[in-house]
C-alpha cells in the first residue's frame, strides 16, 4: 500500500473511534507497519499481514482503550508480543510513560528497533516473565494502568496483572467476544488479588463484524505478597 493511502486510511478509521491522529503519528504507524512486515519474515510476530487488516485489527483495536488511559501517567503492557496494544497507544500518547514486557527476547529486539526508528520517548522495553518482574519494587503496585491483549484466560491473567497495579489504578483486559463465562470464573481470583470489576465495555470494530470486550478492573486493596506465584503455577492451578 502506498504511504499516502495508508496515512489516509488510518486517520479516517481512527476518527470512527473518536481519536484524531495527526500526519506525524500516521507516518509513524506506516513505518511501524513496514518494520512489522519485514521482521515477520524472520520471526513470527503476526498472522495478520494485509495492511488494511493491520490497521483495523491491530492498530484501531489497540486504540479503543486510549480513552481509558487518558488520566494516567504510567502504563504497563504485559505480554506485548509485537507491541500491541502498547506501541499504538504510545504513538498517540507521547507524554505518557510506557513499559512493555515480553518473555521472548526476539520480540523485544524487534521493539527496540521500532522504538529507535519511530523515535519513541518514555518507553521502556523489558525481556522478562511477568511472575519475576512483579517481585521488583520499581514496578510492583506502582503502575497507574496495566493492560493486556489476548494473553491468557482471565482467571490466570489477573494474577499476572493486578500485582503491578497501584491502589485505585486500573487493570484493563482486552478480550474477544465469548468472555462472559470467563469473567464469571475469574471473580474469586480478582477479589483475592485486590481488584473489583467496574465495567465490561463491548466494542465493535469499524467496518467489521468483530466484537471485542474490554474488562476494566479497579485496584481496591493491596495484592498479597505471595502473588503472582512462580512461573507456570498460575496456569496449572488458577485461583
C-alpha atoms as a PDB file:
ATOM      1  CA  UNK A   1       0.000   0.000   0.000  1.00  0.00           C
ATOM      2  CA  UNK A   2       1.307   3.440  -0.888  1.00  0.00           C
ATOM      3  CA  UNK A   3       2.220   5.591   2.087  1.00  0.00           C
ATOM      4  CA  UNK A   4      -0.303   8.338   1.238  1.00  0.00           C
ATOM      5  CA  UNK A   5      -3.170   5.829   1.077  1.00  0.00           C
ATOM      6  CA  UNK A   6      -2.075   4.190   4.344  1.00  0.00           C
ATOM      7  CA  UNK A   7      -1.940   7.565   6.117  1.00  0.00           C
ATOM      8  CA  UNK A   8      -5.388   8.481   4.812  1.00  0.00           C
ATOM      9  CA  UNK A   9      -6.875   5.145   5.913  1.00  0.00           C
ATOM     10  CA  UNK A  10      -5.544   5.170   9.472  1.00  0.00           C
ATOM     11  CA  UNK A  11      -6.597   8.794  10.022  1.00  0.00           C
ATOM     12  CA  UNK A  12     -10.065   8.015   8.656  1.00  0.00           C
ATOM     13  CA  UNK A  13     -10.524   4.844  10.731  1.00  0.00           C
ATOM     14  CA  UNK A  14      -9.236   6.417  13.933  1.00  0.00           C
ATOM     15  CA  UNK A  15     -11.861   9.165  13.645  1.00  0.00           C
ATOM     16  CA  UNK A  16     -14.538   6.462  13.786  1.00  0.00           C
ATOM     17  CA  UNK A  17     -13.434   5.672  17.352  1.00  0.00           C
ATOM     18  CA  UNK A  18     -13.145   9.394  18.186  1.00  0.00           C
ATOM     19  CA  UNK A  19      -9.364   9.607  18.015  1.00  0.00           C
ATOM     20  CA  UNK A  20      -7.671  12.288  15.943  1.00  0.00           C
ATOM     21  CA  UNK A  21      -4.357  11.043  14.597  1.00  0.00           C
ATOM     22  CA  UNK A  22      -2.176  13.724  13.046  1.00  0.00           C
ATOM     23  CA  UNK A  23       0.000  13.196   9.983  1.00  0.00           C
ATOM     24  CA  UNK A  24       3.191  12.755  12.026  1.00  0.00           C
ATOM     25  CA  UNK A  25       1.562   9.980  14.083  1.00  0.00           C
ATOM     26  CA  UNK A  26       0.104   8.384  10.941  1.00  0.00           C
ATOM     27  CA  UNK A  27       3.590   8.307   9.394  1.00  0.00           C
ATOM     28  CA  UNK A  28       4.871   6.526  12.495  1.00  0.00           C
ATOM     29  CA  UNK A  29       2.142   3.895  12.106  1.00  0.00           C
ATOM     30  CA  UNK A  30       3.231   3.433   8.486  1.00  0.00           C
ATOM     31  CA  UNK A  31       6.876   2.954   9.491  1.00  0.00           C
ATOM     32  CA  UNK A  32       5.800   0.567  12.273  1.00  0.00           C
ATOM     33  CA  UNK A  33       3.911  -1.472   9.674  1.00  0.00           C
ATOM     34  CA  UNK A  34       6.933  -1.738   7.381  1.00  0.00           C
ATOM     35  CA  UNK A  35       9.099  -2.929  10.281  1.00  0.00           C
ATOM     36  CA  UNK A  36       6.422  -5.386  11.395  1.00  0.00           C
ATOM     37  CA  UNK A  37       6.182  -6.955   7.937  1.00  0.00           C
ATOM     38  CA  UNK A  38       9.960  -7.006   7.487  1.00  0.00           C
ATOM     39  CA  UNK A  39      10.603  -8.692  10.842  1.00  0.00           C
ATOM     40  CA  UNK A  40       7.654 -11.039  10.375  1.00  0.00           C
ATOM     41  CA  UNK A  41       9.656 -12.751   7.630  1.00  0.00           C
ATOM     42  CA  UNK A  42      12.324 -13.600  10.240  1.00  0.00           C
ATOM     43  CA  UNK A  43      10.311 -14.281  13.390  1.00  0.00           C
ATOM     44  CA  UNK A  44       6.627 -14.990  13.931  1.00  0.00           C
ATOM     45  CA  UNK A  45       5.108 -11.689  15.057  1.00  0.00           C
ATOM     46  CA  UNK A  46       1.639 -11.722  13.494  1.00  0.00           C
ATOM     47  CA  UNK A  47      -0.596 -13.860  11.287  1.00  0.00           C
ATOM     48  CA  UNK A  48      -2.204 -10.643  10.023  1.00  0.00           C
ATOM     49  CA  UNK A  49      -0.114  -9.356   7.119  1.00  0.00           C
ATOM     50  CA  UNK A  50      -2.535  -7.415   4.893  1.00  0.00           C
ATOM     51  CA  UNK A  51      -2.108  -3.714   5.611  1.00  0.00           C
ATOM     52  CA  UNK A  52      -5.834  -2.905   5.785  1.00  0.00           C
ATOM     53  CA  UNK A  53      -6.231  -5.673   8.363  1.00  0.00           C
ATOM     54  CA  UNK A  54      -3.183  -4.477  10.321  1.00  0.00           C
ATOM     55  CA  UNK A  55      -4.721  -1.002  10.556  1.00  0.00           C
ATOM     56  CA  UNK A  56      -8.059  -2.302  11.774  1.00  0.00           C
ATOM     57  CA  UNK A  57      -7.319  -5.475  13.730  1.00  0.00           C
ATOM     58  CA  UNK A  58      -4.086  -4.333  15.373  1.00  0.00           C
ATOM     59  CA  UNK A  59      -3.950  -0.528  15.454  1.00  0.00           C
ATOM     60  CA  UNK A  60      -7.587   0.542  15.750  1.00  0.00           C
ATOM     61  CA  UNK A  61      -8.295  -2.381  18.077  1.00  0.00           C
ATOM     62  CA  UNK A  62      -5.428  -1.277  20.344  1.00  0.00           C
ATOM     63  CA  UNK A  63      -6.557   2.357  20.270  1.00  0.00           C
ATOM     64  CA  UNK A  64     -10.062   1.519  21.547  1.00  0.00           C
ATOM     65  CA  UNK A  65      -8.522   1.649  25.037  1.00  0.00           C
ATOM     66  CA  UNK A  66      -6.949   5.103  24.615  1.00  0.00           C
ATOM     67  CA  UNK A  67      -9.787   6.906  26.392  1.00  0.00           C
ATOM     68  CA  UNK A  68      -9.317   4.642  29.428  1.00  0.00           C
ATOM     69  CA  UNK A  69      -5.712   5.746  29.979  1.00  0.00           C
ATOM     70  CA  UNK A  70      -6.204   9.481  29.431  1.00  0.00           C
ATOM     71  CA  UNK A  71      -5.818  10.345  33.147  1.00  0.00           C
ATOM     72  CA  UNK A  72      -2.865   8.002  33.708  1.00  0.00           C
ATOM     73  CA  UNK A  73       0.857   8.651  33.588  1.00  0.00           C
ATOM     74  CA  UNK A  74       2.383   5.146  33.747  1.00  0.00           C
ATOM     75  CA  UNK A  75       1.125   2.231  31.643  1.00  0.00           C
ATOM     76  CA  UNK A  76       2.447  -1.337  31.658  1.00  0.00           C
ATOM     77  CA  UNK A  77       1.650  -3.664  28.739  1.00  0.00           C
ATOM     78  CA  UNK A  78       2.271  -7.303  29.672  1.00  0.00           C
ATOM     79  CA  UNK A  79       2.797  -9.997  27.053  1.00  0.00           C
ATOM     80  CA  UNK A  80       3.073  -7.248  24.465  1.00  0.00           C
ATOM     81  CA  UNK A  81       4.221  -9.536  21.632  1.00  0.00           C
ATOM     82  CA  UNK A  82       4.710  -7.363  18.539  1.00  0.00           C
ATOM     83  CA  UNK A  83       3.776  -4.301  20.610  1.00  0.00           C
ATOM     84  CA  UNK A  84       0.003  -4.487  20.938  1.00  0.00           C
ATOM     85  CA  UNK A  85      -1.611  -2.516  22.406  1.00  0.00           C
ATOM     86  CA  UNK A  86       1.444  -0.679  23.816  1.00  0.00           C
ATOM     87  CA  UNK A  87       3.038   0.781  20.676  1.00  0.00           C
ATOM     88  CA  UNK A  88      -0.170   2.145  19.074  1.00  0.00           C
ATOM     89  CA  UNK A  89      -1.154   3.695  22.420  1.00  0.00           C
ATOM     90  CA  UNK A  90       2.338   5.146  22.826  1.00  0.00           C
ATOM     91  CA  UNK A  91       2.286   6.753  19.376  1.00  0.00           C
ATOM     92  CA  UNK A  92      -0.849   8.753  20.239  1.00  0.00           C
ATOM     93  CA  UNK A  93       0.108   9.382  23.893  1.00  0.00           C
ATOM     94  CA  UNK A  94       3.629  10.736  23.534  1.00  0.00           C
ATOM     95  CA  UNK A  95       3.819  12.288  27.008  1.00  0.00           C
ATOM     96  CA  UNK A  96       2.862   9.136  28.936  1.00  0.00           C
ATOM     97  CA  UNK A  97       5.371   6.614  30.296  1.00  0.00           C
ATOM     98  CA  UNK A  98       5.024   3.111  28.868  1.00  0.00           C
ATOM     99  CA  UNK A  99       6.641  -0.160  29.907  1.00  0.00           C
ATOM    100  CA  UNK A 100       6.294  -3.112  27.520  1.00  0.00           C
ATOM    101  CA  UNK A 101       7.136  -6.605  28.764  1.00  0.00           C
ATOM    102  CA  UNK A 102       7.503  -9.872  26.882  1.00  0.00           C
ATOM    103  CA  UNK A 103       9.070 -13.227  27.747  1.00  0.00           C
ATOM    104  CA  UNK A 104      10.563 -13.706  24.254  1.00  0.00           C
ATOM    105  CA  UNK A 105      13.751 -11.714  23.674  1.00  0.00           C
ATOM    106  CA  UNK A 106      13.361 -11.764  19.865  1.00  0.00           C
ATOM    107  CA  UNK A 107      10.193  -9.710  20.193  1.00  0.00           C
ATOM    108  CA  UNK A 108      11.932  -7.222  22.478  1.00  0.00           C
ATOM    109  CA  UNK A 109      14.731  -6.860  19.903  1.00  0.00           C
ATOM    110  CA  UNK A 110      12.088  -6.038  17.285  1.00  0.00           C
ATOM    111  CA  UNK A 111      10.519  -3.467  19.589  1.00  0.00           C
ATOM    112  CA  UNK A 112      13.900  -1.889  20.273  1.00  0.00           C
ATOM    113  CA  UNK A 113      14.217  -1.191  16.555  1.00  0.00           C
ATOM    114  CA  UNK A 114      10.658   0.176  16.474  1.00  0.00           C
ATOM    115  CA  UNK A 115      11.498   2.485  19.389  1.00  0.00           C
ATOM    116  CA  UNK A 116      14.642   3.732  17.666  1.00  0.00           C
ATOM    117  CA  UNK A 117      13.157   4.214  14.178  1.00  0.00           C
ATOM    118  CA  UNK A 118       9.968   5.882  15.440  1.00  0.00           C
ATOM    119  CA  UNK A 119      11.952   7.962  17.983  1.00  0.00           C
ATOM    120  CA  UNK A 120       9.617   6.989  20.820  1.00  0.00           C
ATOM    121  CA  UNK A 121      10.487   8.564  24.175  1.00  0.00           C
ATOM    122  CA  UNK A 122       9.446   7.483  27.690  1.00  0.00           C
ATOM    123  CA  UNK A 123       9.266   3.863  26.536  1.00  0.00           C
ATOM    124  CA  UNK A 124      10.913   1.008  28.452  1.00  0.00           C
ATOM    125  CA  UNK A 125      11.210  -2.464  26.924  1.00  0.00           C
ATOM    126  CA  UNK A 126      11.784  -5.417  29.231  1.00  0.00           C
ATOM    127  CA  UNK A 127      12.578  -9.056  28.479  1.00  0.00           C
ATOM    128  CA  UNK A 128      11.132 -10.941  31.464  1.00  0.00           C
ATOM    129  CA  UNK A 129       8.422 -13.247  32.683  1.00  0.00           C
ATOM    130  CA  UNK A 130       5.823 -11.165  34.495  1.00  0.00           C
ATOM    131  CA  UNK A 131       5.952 -13.513  37.503  1.00  0.00           C
ATOM    132  CA  UNK A 132       9.569 -12.459  38.019  1.00  0.00           C
ATOM    133  CA  UNK A 133       9.109  -8.774  37.214  1.00  0.00           C
ATOM    134  CA  UNK A 134       6.269  -8.490  39.719  1.00  0.00           C
ATOM    135  CA  UNK A 135       8.768  -9.007  42.548  1.00  0.00           C
ATOM    136  CA  UNK A 136      10.632  -5.850  41.505  1.00  0.00           C
ATOM    137  CA  UNK A 137       9.672  -2.930  43.763  1.00  0.00           C
ATOM    138  CA  UNK A 138      10.114  -0.463  40.897  1.00  0.00           C
ATOM    139  CA  UNK A 139       7.070  -1.938  39.175  1.00  0.00           C
ATOM    140  CA  UNK A 140       5.056  -3.775  41.820  1.00  0.00           C
ATOM    141  CA  UNK A 141       1.886  -1.845  42.739  1.00  0.00           C
ATOM    142  CA  UNK A 142       3.425   1.192  41.084  1.00  0.00           C
ATOM    143  CA  UNK A 143       1.625   1.426  37.734  1.00  0.00           C
ATOM    144  CA  UNK A 144      -1.432   3.579  37.024  1.00  0.00           C
ATOM    145  CA  UNK A 145      -2.681   1.166  34.365  1.00  0.00           C
ATOM    146  CA  UNK A 146      -1.749  -2.400  33.456  1.00  0.00           C
ATOM    147  CA  UNK A 147      -3.089  -3.594  30.120  1.00  0.00           C
ATOM    148  CA  UNK A 148      -3.012  -6.804  28.105  1.00  0.00           C
ATOM    149  CA  UNK A 149      -4.381  -8.041  24.810  1.00  0.00           C
ATOM    150  CA  UNK A 150      -5.070 -11.710  24.082  1.00  0.00           C
ATOM    151  CA  UNK A 151      -2.577 -13.053  26.625  1.00  0.00           C
ATOM    152  CA  UNK A 152      -4.384 -15.698  28.730  1.00  0.00           C
ATOM    153  CA  UNK A 153      -7.655 -16.778  30.286  1.00  0.00           C
ATOM    154  CA  UNK A 154      -8.926 -14.013  32.584  1.00  0.00           C
ATOM    155  CA  UNK A 155      -8.682 -16.158  35.714  1.00  0.00           C
ATOM    156  CA  UNK A 156      -4.947 -16.641  35.051  1.00  0.00           C
ATOM    157  CA  UNK A 157      -4.366 -13.209  33.537  1.00  0.00           C
ATOM    158  CA  UNK A 158      -5.408 -11.202  36.590  1.00  0.00           C
ATOM    159  CA  UNK A 159      -2.745 -12.940  38.693  1.00  0.00           C
ATOM    160  CA  UNK A 160      -0.154 -11.638  36.231  1.00  0.00           C
ATOM    161  CA  UNK A 161      -1.596  -8.122  36.066  1.00  0.00           C
ATOM    162  CA  UNK A 162      -3.046  -6.987  39.389  1.00  0.00           C
ATOM    163  CA  UNK A 163       0.224  -7.207  41.386  1.00  0.00           C
ATOM    164  CA  UNK A 164       1.575  -4.331  39.242  1.00  0.00           C
ATOM    165  CA  UNK A 165      -1.421  -2.002  39.655  1.00  0.00           C
ATOM    166  CA  UNK A 166      -1.254   0.753  42.282  1.00  0.00           C
ATOM    167  CA  UNK A 167      -4.179   1.307  44.624  1.00  0.00           C
ATOM    168  CA  UNK A 168      -7.061   2.925  42.712  1.00  0.00           C
ATOM    169  CA  UNK A 169      -5.291   2.144  39.425  1.00  0.00           C
ATOM    170  CA  UNK A 170      -6.796   0.135  36.587  1.00  0.00           C
ATOM    171  CA  UNK A 171      -6.308  -3.315  35.150  1.00  0.00           C
ATOM    172  CA  UNK A 172      -7.547  -3.424  31.524  1.00  0.00           C
ATOM    173  CA  UNK A 173      -8.015  -6.816  29.847  1.00  0.00           C
ATOM    174  CA  UNK A 174      -8.735  -6.772  26.103  1.00  0.00           C
ATOM    175  CA  UNK A 175     -10.753  -9.873  25.309  1.00  0.00           C
ATOM    176  CA  UNK A 176     -12.705 -11.445  22.449  1.00  0.00           C
ATOM    177  CA  UNK A 177     -16.468 -11.952  22.105  1.00  0.00           C
ATOM    178  CA  UNK A 178     -17.011 -15.015  24.330  1.00  0.00           C
ATOM    179  CA  UNK A 179     -15.920 -13.577  27.622  1.00  0.00           C
ATOM    180  CA  UNK A 180     -18.970 -13.740  29.915  1.00  0.00           C
ATOM    181  CA  UNK A 181     -18.258 -17.152  31.469  1.00  0.00           C
ATOM    182  CA  UNK A 182     -14.531 -16.399  31.620  1.00  0.00           C
ATOM    183  CA  UNK A 183     -15.169 -13.272  33.701  1.00  0.00           C
ATOM    184  CA  UNK A 184     -17.600 -15.127  35.967  1.00  0.00           C
ATOM    185  CA  UNK A 185     -14.934 -17.776  36.638  1.00  0.00           C
ATOM    186  CA  UNK A 186     -12.376 -15.046  37.435  1.00  0.00           C
ATOM    187  CA  UNK A 187     -14.410 -13.171  40.073  1.00  0.00           C
ATOM    188  CA  UNK A 188     -12.904 -15.033  43.029  1.00  0.00           C
ATOM    189  CA  UNK A 189      -9.341 -14.520  41.743  1.00  0.00           C
ATOM    190  CA  UNK A 190      -9.977 -10.814  41.169  1.00  0.00           C
ATOM    191  CA  UNK A 191     -11.197 -10.405  44.749  1.00  0.00           C
ATOM    192  CA  UNK A 192      -8.244 -12.345  46.230  1.00  0.00           C
ATOM    193  CA  UNK A 193      -5.793 -10.192  44.256  1.00  0.00           C
ATOM    194  CA  UNK A 194      -7.332  -6.900  45.386  1.00  0.00           C
ATOM    195  CA  UNK A 195      -9.430  -5.992  42.377  1.00  0.00           C
ATOM    196  CA  UNK A 196     -13.044  -5.089  41.709  1.00  0.00           C
ATOM    197  CA  UNK A 197     -14.762  -5.269  38.321  1.00  0.00           C
ATOM    198  CA  UNK A 198     -16.156  -1.860  37.442  1.00  0.00           C
ATOM    199  CA  UNK A 199     -17.175  -2.317  33.796  1.00  0.00           C
ATOM    200  CA  UNK A 200     -17.178  -4.598  30.772  1.00  0.00           C
ATOM    201  CA  UNK A 201     -17.212  -2.475  27.615  1.00  0.00           C
ATOM    202  CA  UNK A 202     -18.397  -4.065  24.397  1.00  0.00           C
ATOM    203  CA  UNK A 203     -16.618  -2.740  21.310  1.00  0.00           C
ATOM    204  CA  UNK A 204     -17.436  -3.437  17.664  1.00  0.00           C
ATOM    205  CA  UNK A 205     -14.594  -2.678  15.290  1.00  0.00           C
ATOM    206  CA  UNK A 206     -15.444  -0.310  12.448  1.00  0.00           C
ATOM    207  CA  UNK A 207     -16.326  -1.867   9.077  1.00  0.00           C
ATOM    208  CA  UNK A 208     -16.034  -5.361  10.552  1.00  0.00           C
ATOM    209  CA  UNK A 209     -18.391  -7.660  12.378  1.00  0.00           C
ATOM    210  CA  UNK A 210     -15.757  -8.199  15.067  1.00  0.00           C
ATOM    211  CA  UNK A 211     -16.776  -7.900  18.694  1.00  0.00           C
ATOM    212  CA  UNK A 212     -14.323  -7.086  21.453  1.00  0.00           C
ATOM    213  CA  UNK A 213     -14.846  -6.825  25.192  1.00  0.00           C
ATOM    214  CA  UNK A 214     -12.750  -4.653  27.481  1.00  0.00           C
ATOM    215  CA  UNK A 215     -12.772  -5.784  31.109  1.00  0.00           C
ATOM    216  CA  UNK A 216     -11.953  -2.909  33.452  1.00  0.00           C
ATOM    217  CA  UNK A 217     -10.880  -3.759  36.998  1.00  0.00           C
ATOM    218  CA  UNK A 218     -10.078  -1.229  39.724  1.00  0.00           C
ATOM    219  CA  UNK A 219      -7.428  -1.998  42.357  1.00  0.00           C
ATOM    220  CA  UNK A 220      -9.191  -1.536  45.690  1.00  0.00           C
ATOM    221  CA  UNK A 221      -6.726  -3.223  48.064  1.00  0.00           C
ATOM    222  CA  UNK A 222      -3.121  -4.407  48.062  1.00  0.00           C
ATOM    223  CA  UNK A 223      -2.274  -7.711  46.421  1.00  0.00           C
ATOM    224  CA  UNK A 224      -0.909 -10.266  48.930  1.00  0.00           C
ATOM    225  CA  UNK A 225       2.886 -10.633  48.561  1.00  0.00           C
ATOM    226  CA  UNK A 226       2.672 -14.315  47.600  1.00  0.00           C
ATOM    227  CA  UNK A 227       1.130 -13.387  44.256  1.00  0.00           C
ATOM    228  CA  UNK A 228       1.930 -13.920  41.495  1.00  0.00           C
ATOM    229  CA  UNK A 229       3.079 -17.438  42.196  1.00  0.00           C
ATOM    230  CA  UNK A 230       6.107 -18.998  40.471  1.00  0.00           C
ATOM    231  CA  UNK A 231       6.220 -19.279  36.677  1.00  0.00           C
ATOM    232  CA  UNK A 232       3.812 -21.901  35.377  1.00  0.00           C
ATOM    233  CA  UNK A 233       1.818 -22.254  38.606  1.00  0.00           C
ATOM    234  CA  UNK A 234      -0.992 -19.769  37.767  1.00  0.00           C
ATOM    235  CA  UNK A 235      -1.698 -21.657  34.523  1.00  0.00           C
ATOM    236  CA  UNK A 236      -1.675 -25.111  36.132  1.00  0.00           C
ATOM    237  CA  UNK A 237      -3.511 -24.106  39.298  1.00  0.00           C
ATOM    238  CA  UNK A 238      -5.582 -20.939  38.639  1.00  0.00           C
ATOM    239  CA  UNK A 239      -7.097 -19.199  41.638  1.00  0.00           C
END
